[in-house]
Amino acid sequence: MDIDFVFKIAAIGIIVAVLNQVLIRSGREEQAMMTTLAGLIVVLMMIVGQISELFSTIKYLFNL
């Protein structure tokens, strides 16, 4: 896992947090919740790819 991957997740987190605060301050709590949920789904999809790669590496390492 590269440090770039961690920075991408951090950048998504910062963007989602800022958007969340802006939407809450403007009285759009529903959109703020959807933005947060969308950010979470994007990050989870990124992590699933890395976990798949980890399992493939472990499988190769133990010759399974």
PDB file of N, CA and C in Angstrom:
ATOM      1  N   MET A   1       0.856  -1.174   0.000  1.00  0.00           N
ATOM      2  CA  MET A   1       0.000   0.000   0.000  1.00  0.00           C
ATOM      3  C   MET A   1       0.900   1.236   0.000  1.00  0.00           C
ATOM      4  N   ASP A   2       0.675   2.084  -0.950  1.00  0.00           N
ATOM      5  CA  ASP A   2       1.463   3.294  -1.074  1.00  0.00           C
ATOM      6  C   ASP A   2       0.941   4.384  -0.149  1.00  0.00           C
ATOM      7  N   ILE A   3       1.786   5.347   0.093  1.00  0.00           N
ATOM      8  CA  ILE A   3       1.379   6.502   0.894  1.00  0.00           C
ATOM      9  C   ILE A   3       0.370   7.341   0.119  1.00  0.00           C
ATOM     10  N   ASP A   4       0.412   7.238  -1.222  1.00  0.00           N
ATOM     11  CA  ASP A   4      -0.554   7.958  -2.053  1.00  0.00           C
ATOM     12  C   ASP A   4      -1.978   7.513  -1.753  1.00  0.00           C
ATOM     13  N   PHE A   5      -2.147   6.225  -1.482  1.00  0.00           N
ATOM     14  CA  PHE A   5      -3.472   5.692  -1.162  1.00  0.00           C
ATOM     15  C   PHE A   5      -4.011   6.323   0.121  1.00  0.00           C
ATOM     16  N   VAL A   6      -3.146   6.454   1.112  1.00  0.00           N
ATOM     17  CA  VAL A   6      -3.549   7.078   2.378  1.00  0.00           C
ATOM     18  C   VAL A   6      -3.899   8.551   2.156  1.00  0.00           C
ATOM     19  N   PHE A   7      -3.121   9.226   1.322  1.00  0.00           N
ATOM     20  CA  PHE A   7      -3.406  10.636   1.035  1.00  0.00           C
ATOM     21  C   PHE A   7      -4.725  10.791   0.276  1.00  0.00           C
ATOM     22  N   LYS A   8      -5.041   9.857  -0.618  1.00  0.00           N
ATOM     23  CA  LYS A   8      -6.318   9.920  -1.332  1.00  0.00           C
ATOM     24  C   LYS A   8      -7.487   9.790  -0.364  1.00  0.00           C
ATOM     25  N   ILE A   9      -7.378   8.857   0.573  1.00  0.00           N
ATOM     26  CA  ILE A   9      -8.447   8.673   1.557  1.00  0.00           C
ATOM     27  C   ILE A   9      -8.570   9.914   2.437  1.00  0.00           C
ATOM     28  N   ALA A  10      -7.442  10.475   2.832  1.00  0.00           N
ATOM     29  CA  ALA A  10      -7.474  11.683   3.652  1.00  0.00           C
ATOM     30  C   ALA A  10      -8.094  12.859   2.898  1.00  0.00           C
ATOM     31  N   ALA A  11      -7.772  12.981   1.616  1.00  0.00           N
ATOM     32  CA  ALA A  11      -8.332  14.070   0.812  1.00  0.00           C
ATOM     33  C   ALA A  11      -9.839  13.918   0.673  1.00  0.00           C
ATOM     34  N   ILE A  12     -10.295  12.695   0.456  1.00  0.00           N
ATOM     35  CA  ILE A  12     -11.742  12.471   0.375  1.00  0.00           C
ATOM     36  C   ILE A  12     -12.407  12.820   1.697  1.00  0.00           C
ATOM     37  N   GLY A  13     -11.778  12.440   2.798  1.00  0.00           N
ATOM     38  CA  GLY A  13     -12.319  12.765   4.115  1.00  0.00           C
ATOM     39  C   GLY A  13     -12.417  14.257   4.360  1.00  0.00           C
ATOM     40  N   ILE A  14     -11.399  15.001   3.968  1.00  0.00           N
ATOM     41  CA  ILE A  14     -11.405  16.457   4.154  1.00  0.00           C
ATOM     42  C   ILE A  14     -12.484  17.106   3.294  1.00  0.00           C
ATOM     43  N   ILE A  15     -12.585  16.676   2.040  1.00  0.00           N
ATOM     44  CA  ILE A  15     -13.595  17.249   1.137  1.00  0.00           C
ATOM     45  C   ILE A  15     -15.000  16.961   1.648  1.00  0.00           C
ATOM     46  N   VAL A  16     -15.230  15.727   2.090  1.00  0.00           N
ATOM     47  CA  VAL A  16     -16.556  15.367   2.601  1.00  0.00           C
ATOM     48  C   VAL A  16     -16.870  16.157   3.873  1.00  0.00           C
ATOM     49  N   ALA A  17     -15.895  16.335   4.736  1.00  0.00           N
ATOM     50  CA  ALA A  17     -16.131  17.086   5.971  1.00  0.00           C
ATOM     51  C   ALA A  17     -16.487  18.539   5.681  1.00  0.00           C
ATOM     52  N   VAL A  18     -15.780  19.155   4.750  1.00  0.00           N
ATOM     53  CA  VAL A  18     -16.069  20.548   4.399  1.00  0.00           C
ATOM     54  C   VAL A  18     -17.453  20.666   3.768  1.00  0.00           C
ATOM     55  N   LEU A  19     -17.765  19.773   2.827  1.00  0.00           N
ATOM     56  CA  LEU A  19     -19.086  19.804   2.200  1.00  0.00           C
ATOM     57  C   LEU A  19     -20.190  19.570   3.230  1.00  0.00           C
ATOM     58  N   ASN A  20     -19.936  18.662   4.149  1.00  0.00           N
ATOM     59  CA  ASN A  20     -20.909  18.380   5.194  1.00  0.00           C
ATOM     60  C   ASN A  20     -21.192  19.633   6.027  1.00  0.00           C
ATOM     61  N   GLN A  21     -20.166  20.324   6.435  1.00  0.00           N
ATOM     62  CA  GLN A  21     -20.345  21.528   7.251  1.00  0.00           C
ATOM     63  C   GLN A  21     -21.063  22.631   6.476  1.00  0.00           C
ATOM     64  N   VAL A  22     -20.706  22.809   5.216  1.00  0.00           N
ATOM     65  CA  VAL A  22     -21.352  23.837   4.403  1.00  0.00           C
ATOM     66  C   VAL A  22     -22.838  23.531   4.238  1.00  0.00           C
ATOM     67  N   LEU A  23     -23.158  22.267   3.972  1.00  0.00           N
ATOM     68  CA  LEU A  23     -24.562  21.902   3.784  1.00  0.00           C
ATOM     69  C   LEU A  23     -25.358  22.001   5.079  1.00  0.00           C
ATOM     70  N   ILE A  24     -24.758  21.639   6.183  1.00  0.00           N
ATOM     71  CA  ILE A  24     -25.471  21.759   7.463  1.00  0.00           C
ATOM     72  C   ILE A  24     -25.722  23.225   7.795  1.00  0.00           C
ATOM     73  N   ARG A  25     -24.739  24.075   7.567  1.00  0.00           N
ATOM     74  CA  ARG A  25     -24.909  25.509   7.872  1.00  0.00           C
ATOM     75  C   ARG A  25     -25.978  26.155   6.993  1.00  0.00           C
ATOM     76  N   SER A  26     -26.177  25.615   5.801  1.00  0.00           N
ATOM     77  CA  SER A  26     -27.190  26.195   4.919  1.00  0.00           C
ATOM     78  C   SER A  26     -28.560  25.544   5.113  1.00  0.00           C
ATOM     79  N   GLY A  27     -28.664  24.632   6.090  1.00  0.00           N
ATOM     80  CA  GLY A  27     -29.951  24.037   6.408  1.00  0.00           C
ATOM     81  C   GLY A  27     -30.329  22.842   5.556  1.00  0.00           C
ATOM     82  N   ARG A  28     -29.374  22.219   4.938  1.00  0.00           N
ATOM     83  CA  ARG A  28     -29.653  21.061   4.074  1.00  0.00           C
ATOM     84  C   ARG A  28     -29.044  19.807   4.700  1.00  0.00           C
ATOM     85  N   GLU A  29     -29.640  19.386   5.811  1.00  0.00           N
ATOM     86  CA  GLU A  29     -29.108  18.250   6.543  1.00  0.00           C
ATOM     87  C   GLU A  29     -29.212  16.944   5.761  1.00  0.00           C
ATOM     88  N   GLU A  30     -30.276  16.798   4.957  1.00  0.00           N
ATOM     89  CA  GLU A  30     -30.445  15.566   4.194  1.00  0.00           C
ATOM     90  C   GLU A  30     -29.340  15.400   3.153  1.00  0.00           C
ATOM     91  N   GLN A  31     -29.015  16.485   2.450  1.00  0.00           N
ATOM     92  CA  GLN A  31     -27.945  16.427   1.460  1.00  0.00           C
ATOM     93  C   GLN A  31     -26.586  16.203   2.138  1.00  0.00           C
ATOM     94  N   ALA A  32     -26.416  16.767   3.332  1.00  0.00           N
ATOM     95  CA  ALA A  32     -25.172  16.569   4.068  1.00  0.00           C
ATOM     96  C   ALA A  32     -24.996  15.094   4.430  1.00  0.00           C
ATOM     97  N   MET A  33     -26.082  14.460   4.852  1.00  0.00           N
ATOM     98  CA  MET A  33     -26.012  13.043   5.184  1.00  0.00           C
ATOM     99  C   MET A  33     -25.708  12.205   3.942  1.00  0.00           C
ATOM    100  N   MET A  34     -26.318  12.538   2.817  1.00  0.00           N
ATOM    101  CA  MET A  34     -26.061  11.799   1.581  1.00  0.00           C
ATOM    102  C   MET A  34     -24.618  11.991   1.108  1.00  0.00           C
ATOM    103  N   THR A  35     -24.078  13.186   1.285  1.00  0.00           N
ATOM    104  CA  THR A  35     -22.685  13.446   0.916  1.00  0.00           C
ATOM    105  C   THR A  35     -21.744  12.607   1.771  1.00  0.00           C
ATOM    106  N   THR A  36     -22.023  12.550   3.057  1.00  0.00           N
ATOM    107  CA  THR A  36     -21.207  11.745   3.956  1.00  0.00           C
ATOM    108  C   THR A  36     -21.288  10.269   3.589  1.00  0.00           C
ATOM    109  N   LEU A  37     -22.476   9.805   3.295  1.00  0.00           N
ATOM    110  CA  LEU A  37     -22.665   8.406   2.911  1.00  0.00           C
ATOM    111  C   LEU A  37     -21.951   8.097   1.599  1.00  0.00           C
ATOM    112  N   ALA A  38     -22.019   8.996   0.645  1.00  0.00           N
ATOM    113  CA  ALA A  38     -21.335   8.790  -0.638  1.00  0.00           C
ATOM    114  C   ALA A  38     -19.819   8.736  -0.440  1.00  0.00           C
ATOM    115  N   GLY A  39     -19.282   9.599   0.402  1.00  0.00           N
ATOM    116  CA  GLY A  39     -17.846   9.577   0.694  1.00  0.00           C
ATOM    117  C   GLY A  39     -17.432   8.279   1.347  1.00  0.00           C
ATOM    118  N   LEU A  40     -18.247   7.786   2.261  1.00  0.00           N
ATOM    119  CA  LEU A  40     -17.958   6.522   2.922  1.00  0.00           C
ATOM    120  C   LEU A  40     -17.963   5.369   1.936  1.00  0.00           C
ATOM    121  N   ILE A  41     -18.926   5.351   1.027  1.00  0.00           N
ATOM    122  CA  ILE A  41     -19.011   4.282   0.034  1.00  0.00           C
ATOM    123  C   ILE A  41     -17.803   4.313  -0.899  1.00  0.00           C
ATOM    124  N   VAL A  42     -17.395   5.501  -1.311  1.00  0.00           N
ATOM    125  CA  VAL A  42     -16.226   5.618  -2.196  1.00  0.00           C
ATOM    126  C   VAL A  42     -14.971   5.076  -1.515  1.00  0.00           C
ATOM    127  N   VAL A  43     -14.772   5.438  -0.255  1.00  0.00           N
ATOM    128  CA  VAL A  43     -13.592   4.973   0.469  1.00  0.00           C
ATOM    129  C   VAL A  43     -13.660   3.462   0.684  1.00  0.00           C
ATOM    130  N   LEU A  44     -14.831   2.940   1.004  1.00  0.00           N
ATOM    131  CA  LEU A  44     -14.962   1.501   1.190  1.00  0.00           C
ATOM    132  C   LEU A  44     -14.671   0.737  -0.099  1.00  0.00           C
ATOM    133  N   MET A  45     -15.098   1.277  -1.226  1.00  0.00           N
ATOM    134  CA  MET A  45     -14.813   0.628  -2.501  1.00  0.00           C
ATOM    135  C   MET A  45     -13.309   0.631  -2.793  1.00  0.00           C
ATOM    136  N   MET A  46     -12.627   1.690  -2.410  1.00  0.00           N
ATOM    137  CA  MET A  46     -11.175   1.746  -2.589  1.00  0.00           C
ATOM    138  C   MET A  46     -10.491   0.704  -1.702  1.00  0.00           C
ATOM    139  N   ILE A  47     -10.969   0.556  -0.481  1.00  0.00           N
ATOM    140  CA  ILE A  47     -10.361  -0.373   0.462  1.00  0.00           C
ATOM    141  C   ILE A  47     -10.619  -1.818   0.048  1.00  0.00           C
ATOM    142  N   VAL A  48     -11.783  -2.107  -0.533  1.00  0.00           N
ATOM    143  CA  VAL A  48     -12.090  -3.462  -0.977  1.00  0.00           C
ATOM    144  C   VAL A  48     -11.069  -3.928  -2.011  1.00  0.00           C
ATOM    145  N   GLY A  49     -10.676  -3.044  -2.903  1.00  0.00           N
ATOM    146  CA  GLY A  49      -9.653  -3.390  -3.889  1.00  0.00           C
ATOM    147  C   GLY A  49      -8.325  -3.736  -3.237  1.00  0.00           C
ATOM    148  N   GLN A  50      -7.951  -2.993  -2.215  1.00  0.00           N
ATOM    149  CA  GLN A  50      -6.694  -3.262  -1.522  1.00  0.00           C
ATOM    150  C   GLN A  50      -6.766  -4.565  -0.736  1.00  0.00           C
ATOM    151  N   ILE A  51      -7.901  -4.852  -0.129  1.00  0.00           N
ATOM    152  CA  ILE A  51      -8.058  -6.102   0.619  1.00  0.00           C
ATOM    153  C   ILE A  51      -8.003  -7.291  -0.333  1.00  0.00           C
ATOM    154  N   SER A  52      -8.600  -7.155  -1.500  1.00  0.00           N
ATOM    155  CA  SER A  52      -8.529  -8.214  -2.504  1.00  0.00           C
ATOM    156  C   SER A  52      -7.087  -8.476  -2.912  1.00  0.00           C
ATOM    157  N   GLU A  53      -6.343  -7.424  -3.092  1.00  0.00           N
ATOM    158  CA  GLU A  53      -4.926  -7.569  -3.440  1.00  0.00           C
ATOM    159  C   GLU A  53      -4.149  -8.233  -2.304  1.00  0.00           C
ATOM    160  N   LEU A  54      -4.480  -7.903  -1.070  1.00  0.00           N
ATOM    161  CA  LEU A  54      -3.833  -8.526   0.091  1.00  0.00           C
ATOM    162  C   LEU A  54      -4.100 -10.027   0.118  1.00  0.00           C
ATOM    163  N   PHE A  55      -5.342 -10.436  -0.101  1.00  0.00           N
ATOM    164  CA  PHE A  55      -5.665 -11.859  -0.101  1.00  0.00           C
ATOM    165  C   PHE A  55      -4.963 -12.590  -1.240  1.00  0.00           C
ATOM    166  N   SER A  56      -4.849 -11.961  -2.373  1.00  0.00           N
ATOM    167  CA  SER A  56      -4.135 -12.575  -3.488  1.00  0.00           C
ATOM    168  C   SER A  56      -2.665 -12.772  -3.149  1.00  0.00           C
ATOM    169  N   THR A  57      -2.069 -11.812  -2.495  1.00  0.00           N
ATOM    170  CA  THR A  57      -0.677 -11.912  -2.096  1.00  0.00           C
ATOM    171  C   THR A  57      -0.489 -13.020  -1.070  1.00  0.00           C
ATOM    172  N   ILE A  58      -1.378 -13.118  -0.114  1.00  0.00           N
ATOM    173  CA  ILE A  58      -1.283 -14.168   0.902  1.00  0.00           C
ATOM    174  C   ILE A  58      -1.466 -15.542   0.264  1.00  0.00           C
ATOM    175  N   LYS A  59      -2.399 -15.622  -0.681  1.00  0.00           N
ATOM    176  CA  LYS A  59      -2.634 -16.882  -1.386  1.00  0.00           C
ATOM    177  C   LYS A  59      -1.377 -17.311  -2.150  1.00  0.00           C
ATOM    178  N   TYR A  60      -0.739 -16.374  -2.823  1.00  0.00           N
ATOM    179  CA  TYR A  60       0.477 -16.660  -3.573  1.00  0.00           C
ATOM    180  C   TYR A  60       1.619 -17.042  -2.622  1.00  0.00           C
ATOM    181  N   LEU A  61       1.686 -16.346  -1.481  1.00  0.00           N
ATOM    182  CA  LEU A  61       2.772 -16.575  -0.530  1.00  0.00           C
ATOM    183  C   LEU A  61       2.724 -17.978   0.043  1.00  0.00           C
ATOM    184  N   PHE A  62       1.539 -18.485   0.342  1.00  0.00           N
ATOM    185  CA  PHE A  62       1.405 -19.814   0.938  1.00  0.00           C
ATOM    186  C   PHE A  62       1.074 -20.891  -0.094  1.00  0.00           C
ATOM    187  N   ASN A  63       1.139 -20.555  -1.365  1.00  0.00           N
ATOM    188  CA  ASN A  63       0.876 -21.501  -2.454  1.00  0.00           C
ATOM    189  C   ASN A  63      -0.467 -22.202  -2.307  1.00  0.00           C
ATOM    190  N   LEU A  64      -1.497 -21.428  -2.072  1.00  0.00           N
ATOM    191  CA  LEU A  64      -2.841 -22.022  -1.922  1.00  0.00           C
ATOM    192  C   LEU A  64      -3.575 -22.038  -3.219  1.00  0.00           C
TER     193      LEU A  64
END
